[in-house]
Amino acid sequence: MKKESAYELEEKRYMTQEEVARRFRVSPSTIKNWRDQGKLDFLQPDWSSRVLYPKESIEEFEKRYTKKAKVIDLKKYAEFKGEVHGMSSDPK
């Protein structure tokens, strides 16, 4: 079993802008926009141009912005579709 170096372990805690972009299938500039809007936490030392995103923060972002599909009650939909302002579409 290969033992991981401290550097490798530390690298897994953070993602680059390109890695985050690939994860969400968007461009790196979209990730920068989200960061500028305050949607993503990031790490950038004053002396560096490199920006890293904590993996934990990216996972929280994903949970926060993941939406669930609305379930449609087909019986109610059929009843609604069959009536327009109280008038039945059934010819009698």
N, C-alpha and C. Protein backbone atom coordinates (compact mmCIF):
# COMPACT_ATOMS: atom_id res chain seq x y z
N MET A 1 0.84 -1.18 0.00
CA MET A 1 0.00 0.00 0.00
C MET A 1 0.89 1.25 0.00
N LYS A 2 0.64 2.14 -0.96
CA LYS A 2 1.44 3.35 -1.09
C LYS A 2 1.01 4.38 -0.05
N LYS A 3 1.97 4.94 0.63
CA LYS A 3 1.68 5.98 1.62
C LYS A 3 1.70 7.33 0.90
N GLU A 4 0.66 8.14 1.13
CA GLU A 4 0.56 9.44 0.47
C GLU A 4 1.40 10.48 1.21
N SER A 5 2.01 11.36 0.45
CA SER A 5 2.79 12.43 1.06
C SER A 5 1.84 13.50 1.60
N ALA A 6 2.34 14.35 2.48
CA ALA A 6 1.54 15.45 3.03
C ALA A 6 1.05 16.36 1.91
N TYR A 7 1.90 16.56 0.90
CA TYR A 7 1.52 17.40 -0.24
C TYR A 7 0.32 16.81 -0.97
N GLU A 8 0.33 15.51 -1.23
CA GLU A 8 -0.78 14.86 -1.93
C GLU A 8 -2.06 14.93 -1.11
N LEU A 9 -1.94 14.72 0.20
CA LEU A 9 -3.13 14.81 1.05
C LEU A 9 -3.69 16.22 1.06
N GLU A 10 -2.82 17.21 1.11
CA GLU A 10 -3.25 18.61 1.12
C GLU A 10 -3.89 18.98 -0.22
N GLU A 11 -3.34 18.48 -1.30
CA GLU A 11 -3.88 18.78 -2.63
C GLU A 11 -5.31 18.28 -2.77
N LYS A 12 -5.65 17.17 -2.15
CA LYS A 12 -7.00 16.61 -2.26
C LYS A 12 -8.03 17.45 -1.51
N ARG A 13 -7.59 18.30 -0.61
CA ARG A 13 -8.51 19.16 0.14
C ARG A 13 -8.95 20.36 -0.68
N TYR A 14 -8.20 20.67 -1.72
CA TYR A 14 -8.47 21.86 -2.53
C TYR A 14 -8.61 21.49 -4.00
N MET A 15 -9.36 22.29 -4.72
CA MET A 15 -9.53 22.09 -6.16
C MET A 15 -9.10 23.37 -6.88
N THR A 16 -8.55 23.21 -8.07
CA THR A 16 -8.21 24.37 -8.87
C THR A 16 -9.47 24.89 -9.57
N GLN A 17 -9.36 26.07 -10.14
CA GLN A 17 -10.49 26.65 -10.86
C GLN A 17 -10.90 25.74 -12.04
N GLU A 18 -9.92 25.18 -12.71
CA GLU A 18 -10.20 24.29 -13.84
C GLU A 18 -10.91 23.01 -13.39
N GLU A 19 -10.49 22.47 -12.25
CA GLU A 19 -11.15 21.26 -11.73
C GLU A 19 -12.59 21.54 -11.35
N VAL A 20 -12.84 22.68 -10.73
CA VAL A 20 -14.21 23.05 -10.36
C VAL A 20 -15.05 23.25 -11.62
N ALA A 21 -14.47 23.91 -12.62
CA ALA A 21 -15.18 24.14 -13.88
C ALA A 21 -15.56 22.81 -14.55
N ARG A 22 -14.63 21.86 -14.57
CA ARG A 22 -14.92 20.54 -15.14
C ARG A 22 -16.02 19.84 -14.35
N ARG A 23 -15.99 19.97 -13.04
CA ARG A 23 -16.99 19.31 -12.19
C ARG A 23 -18.40 19.79 -12.53
N PHE A 24 -18.55 21.09 -12.78
CA PHE A 24 -19.88 21.65 -13.06
C PHE A 24 -20.13 21.85 -14.56
N ARG A 25 -19.17 21.44 -15.39
CA ARG A 25 -19.29 21.54 -16.84
C ARG A 25 -19.58 22.97 -17.30
N VAL A 26 -18.79 23.89 -16.76
CA VAL A 26 -18.87 25.29 -17.14
C VAL A 26 -17.45 25.78 -17.42
N SER A 27 -17.32 26.99 -17.91
CA SER A 27 -15.99 27.53 -18.19
C SER A 27 -15.34 28.04 -16.91
N PRO A 28 -14.01 28.11 -16.88
CA PRO A 28 -13.32 28.67 -15.72
C PRO A 28 -13.76 30.10 -15.41
N SER A 29 -14.14 30.87 -16.44
CA SER A 29 -14.60 32.24 -16.19
C SER A 29 -15.92 32.26 -15.43
N THR A 30 -16.76 31.24 -15.62
CA THR A 30 -18.01 31.14 -14.85
C THR A 30 -17.68 30.91 -13.38
N ILE A 31 -16.68 30.09 -13.11
CA ILE A 31 -16.26 29.85 -11.73
C ILE A 31 -15.77 31.15 -11.10
N LYS A 32 -15.00 31.92 -11.86
CA LYS A 32 -14.53 33.22 -11.36
C LYS A 32 -15.71 34.15 -11.08
N ASN A 33 -16.71 34.15 -11.95
CA ASN A 33 -17.90 34.97 -11.72
C ASN A 33 -18.62 34.55 -10.44
N TRP A 34 -18.77 33.25 -10.23
CA TRP A 34 -19.42 32.76 -9.01
C TRP A 34 -18.62 33.17 -7.79
N ARG A 35 -17.30 33.10 -7.90
CA ARG A 35 -16.42 33.50 -6.80
C ARG A 35 -16.60 34.99 -6.51
N ASP A 36 -16.61 35.82 -7.57
CA ASP A 36 -16.78 37.27 -7.41
C ASP A 36 -18.15 37.63 -6.83
N GLN A 37 -19.15 36.79 -7.08
CA GLN A 37 -20.50 37.01 -6.55
C GLN A 37 -20.63 36.52 -5.10
N GLY A 38 -19.57 35.92 -4.58
CA GLY A 38 -19.59 35.44 -3.21
C GLY A 38 -20.22 34.07 -3.04
N LYS A 39 -20.44 33.35 -4.13
CA LYS A 39 -21.07 32.03 -4.07
C LYS A 39 -20.09 30.92 -3.70
N LEU A 40 -18.79 31.16 -3.94
CA LEU A 40 -17.78 30.14 -3.67
C LEU A 40 -16.71 30.67 -2.72
N ASP A 41 -16.37 29.87 -1.73
CA ASP A 41 -15.25 30.20 -0.85
C ASP A 41 -13.97 29.86 -1.61
N PHE A 42 -12.92 30.61 -1.34
CA PHE A 42 -11.66 30.33 -2.02
C PHE A 42 -10.48 30.75 -1.16
N LEU A 43 -9.34 30.23 -1.52
CA LEU A 43 -8.09 30.53 -0.84
C LEU A 43 -7.14 31.16 -1.85
N GLN A 44 -6.66 32.37 -1.53
CA GLN A 44 -5.69 33.03 -2.40
C GLN A 44 -4.79 33.91 -1.54
N PRO A 45 -3.58 33.43 -1.28
CA PRO A 45 -2.65 34.26 -0.52
C PRO A 45 -2.36 35.57 -1.26
N ASP A 46 -2.09 36.64 -0.51
CA ASP A 46 -1.83 37.95 -1.10
C ASP A 46 -0.70 37.93 -2.11
N TRP A 47 0.31 37.10 -1.89
CA TRP A 47 1.49 37.09 -2.74
C TRP A 47 1.34 36.16 -3.96
N SER A 48 0.18 35.54 -4.12
CA SER A 48 0.02 34.54 -5.18
C SER A 48 -1.17 34.87 -6.09
N SER A 49 -1.06 34.49 -7.33
CA SER A 49 -2.20 34.63 -8.25
C SER A 49 -3.02 33.34 -8.30
N ARG A 50 -2.50 32.29 -7.68
CA ARG A 50 -3.19 31.00 -7.68
C ARG A 50 -4.39 31.03 -6.74
N VAL A 51 -5.50 30.53 -7.25
CA VAL A 51 -6.73 30.47 -6.47
C VAL A 51 -7.09 29.00 -6.29
N LEU A 52 -7.38 28.62 -5.06
CA LEU A 52 -7.80 27.25 -4.75
C LEU A 52 -9.16 27.30 -4.05
N TYR A 53 -9.93 26.26 -4.28
CA TYR A 53 -11.27 26.17 -3.70
C TYR A 53 -11.33 24.97 -2.76
N PRO A 54 -11.70 25.18 -1.49
CA PRO A 54 -11.80 24.05 -0.58
C PRO A 54 -12.84 23.05 -1.08
N LYS A 55 -12.47 21.81 -1.18
CA LYS A 55 -13.37 20.76 -1.70
C LYS A 55 -14.66 20.71 -0.88
N GLU A 56 -14.55 20.87 0.42
CA GLU A 56 -15.73 20.85 1.30
C GLU A 56 -16.69 21.98 0.92
N SER A 57 -16.14 23.14 0.60
CA SER A 57 -16.95 24.29 0.21
C SER A 57 -17.65 24.04 -1.13
N ILE A 58 -16.96 23.40 -2.05
CA ILE A 58 -17.55 23.08 -3.37
C ILE A 58 -18.70 22.09 -3.20
N GLU A 59 -18.53 21.13 -2.30
CA GLU A 59 -19.61 20.17 -2.05
C GLU A 59 -20.82 20.85 -1.43
N GLU A 60 -20.59 21.80 -0.53
CA GLU A 60 -21.69 22.56 0.06
C GLU A 60 -22.40 23.41 -0.99
N PHE A 61 -21.63 24.04 -1.86
CA PHE A 61 -22.18 24.82 -2.97
C PHE A 61 -23.10 23.95 -3.82
N GLU A 62 -22.63 22.75 -4.12
CA GLU A 62 -23.40 21.83 -4.95
C GLU A 62 -24.72 21.46 -4.28
N LYS A 63 -24.68 21.19 -2.99
CA LYS A 63 -25.91 20.87 -2.25
C LYS A 63 -26.86 22.06 -2.22
N ARG A 64 -26.31 23.25 -1.99
CA ARG A 64 -27.13 24.47 -1.87
C ARG A 64 -27.87 24.78 -3.17
N TYR A 65 -27.22 24.56 -4.31
CA TYR A 65 -27.80 24.95 -5.59
C TYR A 65 -28.39 23.79 -6.39
N THR A 66 -28.42 22.59 -5.82
CA THR A 66 -29.06 21.47 -6.50
C THR A 66 -30.55 21.55 -6.24
N LYS A 67 -31.32 21.51 -7.31
CA LYS A 67 -32.77 21.60 -7.19
C LYS A 67 -33.38 20.23 -7.49
N LYS A 68 -34.49 19.98 -6.85
CA LYS A 68 -35.20 18.73 -7.08
C LYS A 68 -36.34 18.99 -8.06
N ALA A 69 -36.61 18.01 -8.88
CA ALA A 69 -37.69 18.13 -9.85
C ALA A 69 -39.04 18.14 -9.11
N LYS A 70 -39.96 18.91 -9.65
CA LYS A 70 -41.31 18.94 -9.08
C LYS A 70 -42.07 17.73 -9.58
N VAL A 71 -42.80 17.09 -8.69
CA VAL A 71 -43.59 15.93 -9.05
C VAL A 71 -44.97 16.42 -9.45
N ILE A 72 -45.41 16.00 -10.61
CA ILE A 72 -46.72 16.42 -11.11
C ILE A 72 -47.72 15.31 -10.83
N ASP A 73 -48.82 15.68 -10.21
CA ASP A 73 -49.91 14.73 -9.98
C ASP A 73 -50.69 14.65 -11.28
N LEU A 74 -50.53 13.55 -12.04
CA LEU A 74 -51.12 13.44 -13.37
C LEU A 74 -52.65 13.47 -13.33
N LYS A 75 -53.25 12.96 -12.28
CA LYS A 75 -54.72 12.97 -12.19
C LYS A 75 -55.21 14.41 -12.08
N LYS A 76 -54.58 15.21 -11.21
CA LYS A 76 -54.97 16.61 -11.08
C LYS A 76 -54.69 17.37 -12.36
N TYR A 77 -53.57 17.05 -13.03
CA TYR A 77 -53.22 17.72 -14.27
C TYR A 77 -54.27 17.42 -15.33
N ALA A 78 -54.70 16.15 -15.42
CA ALA A 78 -55.71 15.77 -16.40
C ALA A 78 -57.03 16.47 -16.11
N GLU A 79 -57.41 16.58 -14.83
CA GLU A 79 -58.64 17.28 -14.47
C GLU A 79 -58.54 18.76 -14.84
N PHE A 80 -57.40 19.36 -14.57
CA PHE A 80 -57.19 20.77 -14.88
C PHE A 80 -57.21 21.00 -16.39
N LYS A 81 -56.53 20.15 -17.13
CA LYS A 81 -56.43 20.30 -18.58
C LYS A 81 -57.80 20.12 -19.24
N GLY A 82 -58.64 19.29 -18.67
CA GLY A 82 -59.97 19.03 -19.23
C GLY A 82 -60.96 20.16 -18.99
N GLU A 83 -60.68 21.06 -18.08
CA GLU A 83 -61.60 22.15 -17.75
C GLU A 83 -60.93 23.49 -17.97
N VAL A 84 -61.63 24.40 -18.61
CA VAL A 84 -61.15 25.76 -18.79
C VAL A 84 -62.18 26.68 -18.16
N HIS A 85 -61.83 27.32 -17.09
CA HIS A 85 -62.70 28.24 -16.36
C HIS A 85 -64.06 27.64 -16.07
N GLY A 86 -64.04 26.39 -15.61
CA GLY A 86 -65.28 25.75 -15.19
C GLY A 86 -66.06 25.12 -16.33
N MET A 87 -65.58 25.23 -17.55
CA MET A 87 -66.26 24.65 -18.70
C MET A 87 -65.58 23.34 -19.05
N SER A 88 -66.34 22.33 -19.30
CA SER A 88 -65.79 21.04 -19.66
C SER A 88 -65.44 21.03 -21.14
N SER A 89 -64.39 20.32 -21.50
CA SER A 89 -64.03 20.19 -22.91
C SER A 89 -64.74 19.01 -23.54
N ASP A 90 -65.55 18.30 -22.75
CA ASP A 90 -66.27 17.14 -23.22
C ASP A 90 -67.54 17.60 -23.95
N PRO A 91 -67.64 17.37 -25.26
CA PRO A 91 -68.85 17.79 -25.98
C PRO A 91 -70.00 16.88 -25.60
N LYS A 92 -71.16 17.49 -25.29
CA LYS A 92 -72.35 16.69 -24.90
C LYS A 92 -73.48 16.92 -25.85
